[in-house]
């Protein structure tokens, strides 16, 4: 699951976090939800729901700038710092659990790249790299149920004409590579890709592009999807377009 969006206009906060909580109500796996990208998406942010956010899988971890015994000692200090303290209160308990989850998740995720072998050559684009990272974790069978990433750059207004062809080329190539990777590993039947926009556009041109509005789309892609258009095709009559 991922979306094309303008990062600062994300809505429906926590909705995907609730999905993760329903899939793993006791938080038994700190990697039930994994985001590929920097920071924690608002859609996944929900108290008590651990989510690992990965920028680059191969270098993901805690205190990766040091090695050997010095790093092990530092990690022990880190763990003691975040260990729950009796009577510390819900805020400190939450922060403590978040820190321990980060340690545990980093330790598990570092095993994923070593298990990955593929003949698929992903395109050298941010979305391509993120989807390849998702494939590595998915195929490592770490129990992750929900993956999330973003493909930004669509807030173009007057530059839609020259900008969108490259955006859609990068996105479609990445999806194609990802799907081919899953097919190669006999994993396509167990995955559903859901691509959606988190802010819409007006259809009517304002003279230099289009403004934010209600126009948008969502695509479901996968072997288990019954193809076709769901809902009603929107009216494009002049009188039906937003001003």
Protein backbone atom coordinates (compact mmCIF):
# COMPACT_ATOMS: atom_id res chain seq x y z
CA UNK A 1 0.00 0.00 0.00
CA UNK A 2 1.33 3.42 -0.83
CA UNK A 3 0.11 6.74 -2.03
CA UNK A 4 0.96 9.66 -4.26
CA UNK A 5 0.66 12.81 -2.26
CA UNK A 6 1.79 16.21 -1.15
CA UNK A 7 3.28 15.33 2.28
CA UNK A 8 1.97 18.32 4.22
CA UNK A 9 -1.64 17.78 3.21
CA UNK A 10 -2.18 14.27 4.57
CA UNK A 11 -5.61 13.66 6.08
CA UNK A 12 -7.45 10.88 7.91
CA UNK A 13 -4.82 10.71 10.63
CA UNK A 14 -4.25 7.31 12.18
CA UNK A 15 -6.57 5.31 9.90
CA UNK A 16 -3.86 2.92 8.82
CA UNK A 17 -2.59 2.69 12.38
CA UNK A 18 -6.02 1.36 13.32
CA UNK A 19 -5.73 -1.27 10.58
CA UNK A 20 -2.36 -2.37 11.99
CA UNK A 21 -3.83 -2.49 15.51
CA UNK A 22 -6.72 -4.66 14.29
CA UNK A 23 -4.30 -7.04 12.56
CA UNK A 24 -2.06 -7.27 15.63
CA UNK A 25 -4.11 -6.06 18.63
CA UNK A 26 -1.51 -7.06 21.22
CA UNK A 27 1.44 -5.59 19.33
CA UNK A 28 3.17 -8.95 19.23
CA UNK A 29 5.19 -8.04 16.14
CA UNK A 30 6.88 -4.64 16.09
CA UNK A 31 7.10 -4.95 12.30
CA UNK A 32 3.42 -5.50 11.50
CA UNK A 33 3.54 -2.05 9.90
CA UNK A 34 6.60 -0.70 8.09
CA UNK A 35 6.96 2.65 6.34
CA UNK A 36 9.62 3.24 3.72
CA UNK A 37 10.48 6.92 3.97
CA UNK A 38 11.63 9.41 6.55
CA UNK A 39 9.44 10.20 9.53
CA UNK A 40 6.14 8.61 10.53
CA UNK A 41 3.19 9.19 8.17
CA UNK A 42 0.17 10.65 9.89
CA UNK A 43 -1.97 7.85 8.50
CA UNK A 44 0.07 5.33 10.51
CA UNK A 45 0.46 7.38 13.70
CA UNK A 46 -1.55 5.87 16.52
CA UNK A 47 -0.62 5.57 20.18
CA UNK A 48 0.47 2.07 21.11
CA UNK A 49 0.98 0.96 17.49
CA UNK A 50 4.64 0.35 16.62
CA UNK A 51 5.71 1.35 13.10
CA UNK A 52 9.24 1.12 11.75
CA UNK A 53 10.17 3.96 9.35
CA UNK A 54 13.04 3.00 7.08
CA UNK A 55 14.97 5.41 4.87
CA UNK A 56 17.60 2.97 3.52
CA UNK A 57 17.16 -0.65 4.52
CA UNK A 58 20.82 -1.62 4.26
CA UNK A 59 21.88 1.05 6.76
CA UNK A 60 18.79 0.97 8.96
CA UNK A 61 19.42 0.54 12.66
CA UNK A 62 20.14 2.24 15.96
CA UNK A 63 23.54 3.80 16.73
CA UNK A 64 24.94 2.60 13.40
CA UNK A 65 27.77 5.15 13.46
CA UNK A 66 29.80 3.05 15.90
CA UNK A 67 30.83 -0.61 15.80
CA UNK A 68 32.10 -3.50 17.93
CA UNK A 69 32.01 -3.60 21.71
CA UNK A 70 31.53 0.17 21.92
CA UNK A 71 28.25 -0.10 20.02
CA UNK A 72 27.08 -3.04 22.14
CA UNK A 73 27.73 -1.05 25.30
CA UNK A 74 25.89 1.95 23.86
CA UNK A 75 22.92 -0.22 22.92
CA UNK A 76 22.76 -1.58 26.46
CA UNK A 77 22.65 1.96 27.80
CA UNK A 78 19.98 2.82 25.23
CA UNK A 79 17.87 -0.18 26.32
CA UNK A 80 18.20 0.72 30.02
CA UNK A 81 17.19 4.31 29.27
CA UNK A 82 13.98 3.16 27.63
CA UNK A 83 13.10 0.32 29.99
CA UNK A 84 9.76 0.99 31.72
CA UNK A 85 10.05 2.48 35.20
CA UNK A 86 7.42 1.73 37.84
CA UNK A 87 5.21 4.75 38.43
CA UNK A 88 6.69 6.79 35.59
CA UNK A 89 3.30 7.47 34.04
CA UNK A 90 1.66 6.75 30.66
CA UNK A 91 3.75 9.24 28.67
CA UNK A 92 7.09 7.81 29.81
CA UNK A 93 5.75 4.28 29.41
CA UNK A 94 4.81 5.09 25.81
CA UNK A 95 8.19 6.66 25.05
CA UNK A 96 9.97 3.75 26.70
CA UNK A 97 8.07 1.16 24.70
CA UNK A 98 8.68 3.14 21.50
CA UNK A 99 12.41 3.09 22.14
CA UNK A 100 12.48 -0.62 22.87
CA UNK A 101 10.38 -1.35 19.79
CA UNK A 102 12.86 0.61 17.69
CA UNK A 103 15.70 -1.51 19.01
CA UNK A 104 13.87 -4.75 18.41
CA UNK A 105 12.63 -3.76 14.95
CA UNK A 106 16.07 -2.64 13.81
CA UNK A 107 17.60 -5.90 14.93
CA UNK A 108 15.06 -7.94 12.94
CA UNK A 109 15.08 -5.77 9.80
CA UNK A 110 18.82 -5.94 9.36
CA UNK A 111 18.42 -9.58 8.34
CA UNK A 112 16.21 -8.81 5.33
CA UNK A 113 18.79 -7.69 2.70
CA UNK A 114 20.89 -10.83 3.18
CA UNK A 115 17.90 -13.03 2.36
CA UNK A 116 17.03 -11.21 -0.86
CA UNK A 117 18.00 -12.40 -4.32
CA UNK A 118 16.29 -11.21 -7.49
CA UNK A 119 16.90 -10.87 -11.22
CA UNK A 120 14.67 -7.78 -11.42
CA UNK A 121 16.52 -4.51 -12.02
CA UNK A 122 14.52 -1.71 -10.46
CA UNK A 123 14.60 1.75 -11.99
CA UNK A 124 16.87 4.23 -10.22
CA UNK A 125 14.11 6.41 -8.77
CA UNK A 126 13.06 7.14 -5.18
CA UNK A 127 9.81 5.21 -5.55
CA UNK A 128 11.65 2.34 -7.25
CA UNK A 129 14.14 2.10 -4.39
CA UNK A 130 11.37 2.20 -1.80
CA UNK A 131 9.38 -0.54 -3.50
CA UNK A 132 12.49 -2.70 -3.80
CA UNK A 133 13.03 -2.19 -0.06
CA UNK A 134 9.45 -3.28 0.56
CA UNK A 135 10.04 -6.37 -1.58
CA UNK A 136 13.11 -7.26 0.49
CA UNK A 137 11.19 -7.12 3.77
CA UNK A 138 8.10 -8.81 2.35
CA UNK A 139 10.10 -11.69 0.90
CA UNK A 140 12.09 -12.07 4.15
CA UNK A 141 8.82 -13.20 5.77
CA UNK A 142 9.16 -11.10 8.91
CA UNK A 143 5.42 -10.96 9.54
CA UNK A 144 4.89 -7.46 8.13
CA UNK A 145 1.29 -7.07 6.99
CA UNK A 146 1.13 -3.42 5.98
CA UNK A 147 3.76 -1.52 3.98
CA UNK A 148 3.52 2.17 3.23
CA UNK A 149 5.50 4.61 1.12
CA UNK A 150 4.97 7.91 -0.67
CA UNK A 151 5.61 9.26 -4.13
CA UNK A 152 5.70 13.01 -3.74
CA UNK A 153 5.93 15.88 -6.21
CA UNK A 154 2.37 16.12 -7.49
CA UNK A 155 1.63 19.58 -6.09
CA UNK A 156 2.51 21.12 -9.44
CA UNK A 157 -0.31 23.57 -10.22
CA UNK A 158 0.87 25.36 -13.39
CA UNK A 159 3.60 22.79 -14.12
CA UNK A 160 1.35 19.76 -14.47
CA UNK A 161 1.95 19.36 -18.21
CA UNK A 162 5.75 19.03 -18.14
CA UNK A 163 6.01 17.41 -14.68
CA UNK A 164 3.36 14.72 -14.49
CA UNK A 165 4.58 12.53 -17.37
CA UNK A 166 7.86 11.81 -15.52
CA UNK A 167 6.07 11.30 -12.21
CA UNK A 168 3.71 8.74 -13.72
CA UNK A 169 6.51 7.09 -15.69
CA UNK A 170 8.56 6.63 -12.50
CA UNK A 171 5.54 5.35 -10.59
CA UNK A 172 4.33 2.92 -13.25
CA UNK A 173 7.85 1.54 -13.83
CA UNK A 174 8.32 1.01 -10.09
CA UNK A 175 4.97 -0.77 -9.77
CA UNK A 176 5.83 -2.97 -12.76
CA UNK A 177 9.23 -3.88 -11.30
CA UNK A 178 7.73 -4.59 -7.88
CA UNK A 179 5.02 -6.82 -9.30
CA UNK A 180 7.57 -8.68 -11.45
CA UNK A 181 9.70 -9.22 -8.34
CA UNK A 182 6.77 -10.70 -6.46
CA UNK A 183 5.88 -12.93 -9.42
CA UNK A 184 9.46 -14.18 -9.62
CA UNK A 185 9.26 -15.25 -5.97
CA UNK A 186 5.71 -16.70 -6.19
CA UNK A 187 4.51 -14.04 -3.77
CA UNK A 188 2.17 -12.00 -5.96
CA UNK A 189 -0.96 -13.85 -4.87
CA UNK A 190 -0.42 -12.74 -1.28
CA UNK A 191 -0.05 -9.02 -1.94
CA UNK A 192 -2.47 -6.23 -2.76
CA UNK A 193 -1.18 -2.88 -3.96
CA UNK A 194 -3.41 0.09 -3.19
CA UNK A 195 -2.39 3.38 -4.77
CA UNK A 196 -4.29 6.50 -3.78
CA UNK A 197 -4.03 10.26 -3.70
CA UNK A 198 -4.35 12.05 -0.39
CA UNK A 199 -5.38 15.34 -1.88
CA UNK A 200 -7.47 16.00 -4.96
CA UNK A 201 -7.50 18.40 -7.86
CA UNK A 202 -10.16 20.42 -9.57
CA UNK A 203 -10.75 19.28 -13.12
CA UNK A 204 -11.32 22.76 -14.50
CA UNK A 205 -8.24 24.72 -15.59
CA UNK A 206 -7.81 28.03 -13.78
CA UNK A 207 -5.65 29.49 -16.54
CA UNK A 208 -2.30 28.30 -15.19
CA UNK A 209 -3.05 24.76 -14.07
CA UNK A 210 -5.58 23.38 -11.59
CA UNK A 211 -6.30 24.06 -7.94
CA UNK A 212 -6.90 21.66 -5.08
CA UNK A 213 -10.33 20.07 -5.20
CA UNK A 214 -12.29 16.84 -5.12
CA UNK A 215 -10.87 15.08 -8.17
CA UNK A 216 -8.72 12.07 -7.37
CA UNK A 217 -8.30 8.35 -7.87
CA UNK A 218 -7.46 5.08 -6.19
CA UNK A 219 -6.06 1.97 -7.87
CA UNK A 220 -6.14 -1.60 -6.55
CA UNK A 221 -3.53 -3.81 -8.21
CA UNK A 222 -2.88 -7.51 -7.71
CA UNK A 223 -3.71 -11.05 -8.72
CA UNK A 224 -6.71 -11.10 -6.41
CA UNK A 225 -8.27 -7.92 -7.84
CA UNK A 226 -11.32 -8.22 -10.04
CA UNK A 227 -10.49 -5.58 -12.63
CA UNK A 228 -12.78 -2.79 -13.69
CA UNK A 229 -14.08 0.53 -12.52
CA UNK A 230 -15.93 0.76 -9.24
CA UNK A 231 -18.38 3.53 -8.39
CA UNK A 232 -19.64 5.95 -11.05
CA UNK A 233 -17.59 7.76 -13.64
CA UNK A 234 -17.55 11.46 -12.66
CA UNK A 235 -19.43 13.96 -14.74
CA UNK A 236 -17.22 16.21 -16.87
CA UNK A 237 -19.90 18.59 -18.06
CA UNK A 238 -19.01 22.24 -17.75
CA UNK A 239 -21.79 22.90 -15.25
CA UNK A 240 -20.62 20.02 -13.05
CA UNK A 241 -17.03 21.18 -12.71
CA UNK A 242 -15.92 23.05 -9.60
CA UNK A 243 -15.06 26.69 -10.19
